[in-house]
Structures are given as C-alpha cells and as structure tokens.
Amino acid sequence: MKITNVETIVLAVPLDRPIFFATRAVRKRDLSITKIHTDEGIVGLNCVPIGEPLSVMSIIERKLKPLFISEDPLSVPSGSGTRCTWRCVGDRKGSAIRGKGLKGLAKERR
C-alpha cells in the first residue's frame, strides 16, 4: 500500500455558546482535517486542533505532502504514534523535517 495524496481541509465549527475573554469572544473553533489517501482506496483522517488552520494547511501541503507521497502508511512501527510517523519519514527522506517540528518548517523560506 502506498500514499497517493495528502489533502487538508480547513473547518470553522460554530460553538453552541461563545467563550468570553477579556478582549474578545470566541464564537467558533477553527481546525484542520488531514486526509491521507492510499492506492487501495483507504483514507486516513487526522485532526489538527491547534495553530492557525491556513498556516497548518500550507505547511502540510508544501512541506509534508511531498515527503509522504508513495510512502507505505503501515511502515511506522506499531504503537509509535504520530511523533514517530514524522520522525520515521524524516529519517527516510533525509533531514527535510527531522528536528524542526511544524514551527521550524513554517519559518523556512522556499
């Protein structure tokens, strides 16, 4: 099985009740959903509930997507979790993401 596409969807979910802070009211929750498509028709989903959704989408589309295309999604050791996924792909693809995290990738210039 190979990854054929990585897609990011930005969502704004309205809250039932606003959350009030000293300087603003939050009326919606912004998040990013990442869909990982495989050549066998299986689609994996991941929610990124932190960060500015358009920035997260940009990082995934420009920096991470090229690293995942044609990788085997099952090649990550069992029980290792997401952190190992990024590290394992980084190890196989060189130093593209190793040791940088999403903040480091966001600061890089093309």
C-alpha atoms as a PDB file:
ATOM      1  CA  MET A   1       0.000   0.000   0.000  1.00  0.00           C
ATOM      2  CA  LYS A   2       1.278   3.472  -0.881  1.00  0.00           C
ATOM      3  CA  ILE A   3       0.136   7.002  -0.038  1.00  0.00           C
ATOM      4  CA  THR A   4      -1.184   8.688  -3.182  1.00  0.00           C
ATOM      5  CA  ASN A   5      -2.422  12.027  -1.845  1.00  0.00           C
ATOM      6  CA  VAL A   6      -2.467  14.167   1.286  1.00  0.00           C
ATOM      7  CA  GLU A   7      -5.354  16.617   1.460  1.00  0.00           C
ATOM      8  CA  THR A   8      -6.052  19.279   4.096  1.00  0.00           C
ATOM      9  CA  ILE A   9      -9.479  20.726   4.800  1.00  0.00           C
ATOM     10  CA  VAL A  10      -9.965  23.829   6.949  1.00  0.00           C
ATOM     11  CA  LEU A  11     -13.123  23.899   9.075  1.00  0.00           C
ATOM     12  CA  ALA A  12     -14.799  26.544  11.215  1.00  0.00           C
ATOM     13  CA  VAL A  13     -17.199  24.930  13.678  1.00  0.00           C
ATOM     14  CA  PRO A  14     -19.633  27.308  15.418  1.00  0.00           C
ATOM     15  CA  LEU A  15     -19.782  26.950  19.199  1.00  0.00           C
ATOM     16  CA  ASP A  16     -23.134  26.483  20.951  1.00  0.00           C
ATOM     17  CA  ARG A  17     -22.169  29.302  23.311  1.00  0.00           C
ATOM     18  CA  PRO A  18     -19.417  31.879  22.848  1.00  0.00           C
ATOM     19  CA  ILE A  19     -16.395  31.772  25.149  1.00  0.00           C
ATOM     20  CA  PHE A  20     -15.623  35.228  26.509  1.00  0.00           C
ATOM     21  CA  PHE A  21     -12.154  36.526  27.297  1.00  0.00           C
ATOM     22  CA  ALA A  22     -11.123  39.985  28.486  1.00  0.00           C
ATOM     23  CA  THR A  23     -10.526  41.278  24.959  1.00  0.00           C
ATOM     24  CA  ARG A  24     -12.667  39.074  22.718  1.00  0.00           C
ATOM     25  CA  ALA A  25     -15.372  36.477  22.346  1.00  0.00           C
ATOM     26  CA  VAL A  26     -14.693  33.175  20.586  1.00  0.00           C
ATOM     27  CA  ARG A  27     -17.733  32.093  18.593  1.00  0.00           C
ATOM     28  CA  LYS A  28     -16.205  29.287  16.504  1.00  0.00           C
ATOM     29  CA  ARG A  29     -13.492  26.657  16.633  1.00  0.00           C
ATOM     30  CA  ASP A  30     -11.048  26.611  13.710  1.00  0.00           C
ATOM     31  CA  LEU A  31      -9.281  23.367  12.879  1.00  0.00           C
ATOM     32  CA  SER A  32      -7.648  21.458  10.054  1.00  0.00           C
ATOM     33  CA  ILE A  33      -8.547  17.943   8.944  1.00  0.00           C
ATOM     34  CA  THR A  34      -5.872  15.996   7.077  1.00  0.00           C
ATOM     35  CA  LYS A  35      -6.929  13.140   4.790  1.00  0.00           C
ATOM     36  CA  ILE A  36      -4.302  10.639   3.689  1.00  0.00           C
ATOM     37  CA  HIS A  37      -5.348   8.663   0.594  1.00  0.00           C
ATOM     38  CA  THR A  38      -3.844   5.317  -0.443  1.00  0.00           C
ATOM     39  CA  ASP A  39      -3.694   3.397  -3.697  1.00  0.00           C
ATOM     40  CA  GLU A  40      -6.000   0.771  -2.131  1.00  0.00           C
ATOM     41  CA  GLY A  41      -8.783   3.289  -1.551  1.00  0.00           C
ATOM     42  CA  ILE A  42      -8.232   3.546   2.204  1.00  0.00           C
ATOM     43  CA  VAL A  43      -8.399   7.074   3.622  1.00  0.00           C
ATOM     44  CA  GLY A  44      -6.931   8.005   6.999  1.00  0.00           C
ATOM     45  CA  LEU A  45      -8.099  11.111   8.887  1.00  0.00           C
ATOM     46  CA  ASN A  46      -6.305  13.346  11.360  1.00  0.00           C
ATOM     47  CA  CYS A  47      -7.496  16.475  13.145  1.00  0.00           C
ATOM     48  CA  VAL A  48      -5.086  19.316  13.894  1.00  0.00           C
ATOM     49  CA  PRO A  49      -6.938  21.361  16.549  1.00  0.00           C
ATOM     50  CA  ILE A  50      -4.151  23.875  17.194  1.00  0.00           C
ATOM     51  CA  GLY A  51      -2.476  26.607  15.214  1.00  0.00           C
ATOM     52  CA  GLU A  52      -3.858  28.915  12.554  1.00  0.00           C
ATOM     53  CA  PRO A  53      -5.626  26.482  10.155  1.00  0.00           C
ATOM     54  CA  LEU A  54      -4.478  28.153   6.933  1.00  0.00           C
ATOM     55  CA  SER A  55      -0.859  28.096   8.143  1.00  0.00           C
ATOM     56  CA  VAL A  56      -1.159  24.428   9.133  1.00  0.00           C
ATOM     57  CA  MET A  57      -2.672  23.645   5.728  1.00  0.00           C
ATOM     58  CA  SER A  58       0.168  25.462   3.969  1.00  0.00           C
ATOM     59  CA  ILE A  59       2.851  23.579   5.925  1.00  0.00           C
ATOM     60  CA  ILE A  60       1.216  20.224   5.241  1.00  0.00           C
ATOM     61  CA  GLU A  61       0.662  20.928   1.542  1.00  0.00           C
ATOM     62  CA  ARG A  62       4.076  22.491   0.788  1.00  0.00           C
ATOM     63  CA  LYS A  63       6.443  20.696   3.154  1.00  0.00           C
ATOM     64  CA  LEU A  64       4.978  17.425   4.411  1.00  0.00           C
ATOM     65  CA  LYS A  65       2.878  16.183   1.497  1.00  0.00           C
ATOM     66  CA  PRO A  66       5.907  15.626  -0.789  1.00  0.00           C
ATOM     67  CA  LEU A  67       7.544  13.548   1.970  1.00  0.00           C
ATOM     68  CA  PHE A  68       4.554  11.231   2.353  1.00  0.00           C
ATOM     69  CA  ILE A  69       3.624  10.600  -1.299  1.00  0.00           C
ATOM     70  CA  SER A  70       4.497   6.984  -2.267  1.00  0.00           C
ATOM     71  CA  GLU A  71       5.401   6.042   1.324  1.00  0.00           C
ATOM     72  CA  ASP A  72       3.850   2.957   2.917  1.00  0.00           C
ATOM     73  CA  PRO A  73       1.467   4.196   5.651  1.00  0.00           C
ATOM     74  CA  LEU A  74       1.907   0.912   7.534  1.00  0.00           C
ATOM     75  CA  SER A  75       5.707   1.133   7.710  1.00  0.00           C
ATOM     76  CA  VAL A  76       5.622   3.031  11.029  1.00  0.00           C
ATOM     77  CA  PRO A  77       6.356   0.724  13.982  1.00  0.00           C
ATOM     78  CA  SER A  78       3.183  -0.373  15.783  1.00  0.00           C
ATOM     79  CA  GLY A  79       2.201   1.800  18.744  1.00  0.00           C
ATOM     80  CA  SER A  80       4.727   4.505  17.869  1.00  0.00           C
ATOM     81  CA  GLY A  81       2.133   7.183  17.219  1.00  0.00           C
ATOM     82  CA  THR A  82       2.214  10.354  15.152  1.00  0.00           C
ATOM     83  CA  ARG A  83       5.520  11.651  16.502  1.00  0.00           C
ATOM     84  CA  CYS A  84       7.309   8.580  15.136  1.00  0.00           C
ATOM     85  CA  THR A  85       5.490   8.948  11.814  1.00  0.00           C
ATOM     86  CA  TRP A  86       7.101  12.366  11.241  1.00  0.00           C
ATOM     87  CA  ARG A  87      10.494  11.167  12.517  1.00  0.00           C
ATOM     88  CA  CYS A  88      10.477   7.920  10.501  1.00  0.00           C
ATOM     89  CA  VAL A  89       9.573   9.697   7.268  1.00  0.00           C
ATOM     90  CA  GLY A  90      12.182  12.360   8.034  1.00  0.00           C
ATOM     91  CA  ASP A  91      14.814   9.666   8.530  1.00  0.00           C
ATOM     92  CA  ARG A  92      13.951   8.017   5.221  1.00  0.00           C
ATOM     93  CA  LYS A  93      13.772  11.312   3.318  1.00  0.00           C
ATOM     94  CA  GLY A  94      16.839  12.955   4.803  1.00  0.00           C
ATOM     95  CA  SER A  95      16.787  15.968   7.083  1.00  0.00           C
ATOM     96  CA  ALA A  96      13.733  17.627   5.496  1.00  0.00           C
ATOM     97  CA  ILE A  97      11.770  17.636   8.739  1.00  0.00           C
ATOM     98  CA  ARG A  98      13.984  15.972  11.345  1.00  0.00           C
ATOM     99  CA  GLY A  99      14.409  18.095  14.457  1.00  0.00           C
ATOM    100  CA  LYS A 100      12.378  21.034  13.140  1.00  0.00           C
ATOM    101  CA  GLY A 101       8.769  20.348  14.048  1.00  0.00           C
ATOM    102  CA  LEU A 102       5.969  22.358  12.466  1.00  0.00           C
ATOM    103  CA  LYS A 103       7.284  25.679  13.803  1.00  0.00           C
ATOM    104  CA  GLY A 104      10.646  25.133  12.152  1.00  0.00           C
ATOM    105  CA  LEU A 105       9.024  24.194   8.871  1.00  0.00           C
ATOM    106  CA  ALA A 106       6.831  27.295   8.983  1.00  0.00           C
ATOM    107  CA  LYS A 107       9.875  29.564   9.396  1.00  0.00           C
ATOM    108  CA  GLU A 108      11.775  28.075   6.452  1.00  0.00           C
ATOM    109  CA  ARG A 109      11.833  30.078   3.262  1.00  0.00           C
ATOM    110  CA  ARG A 110      11.461  28.426  -0.133  1.00  0.00           C
END
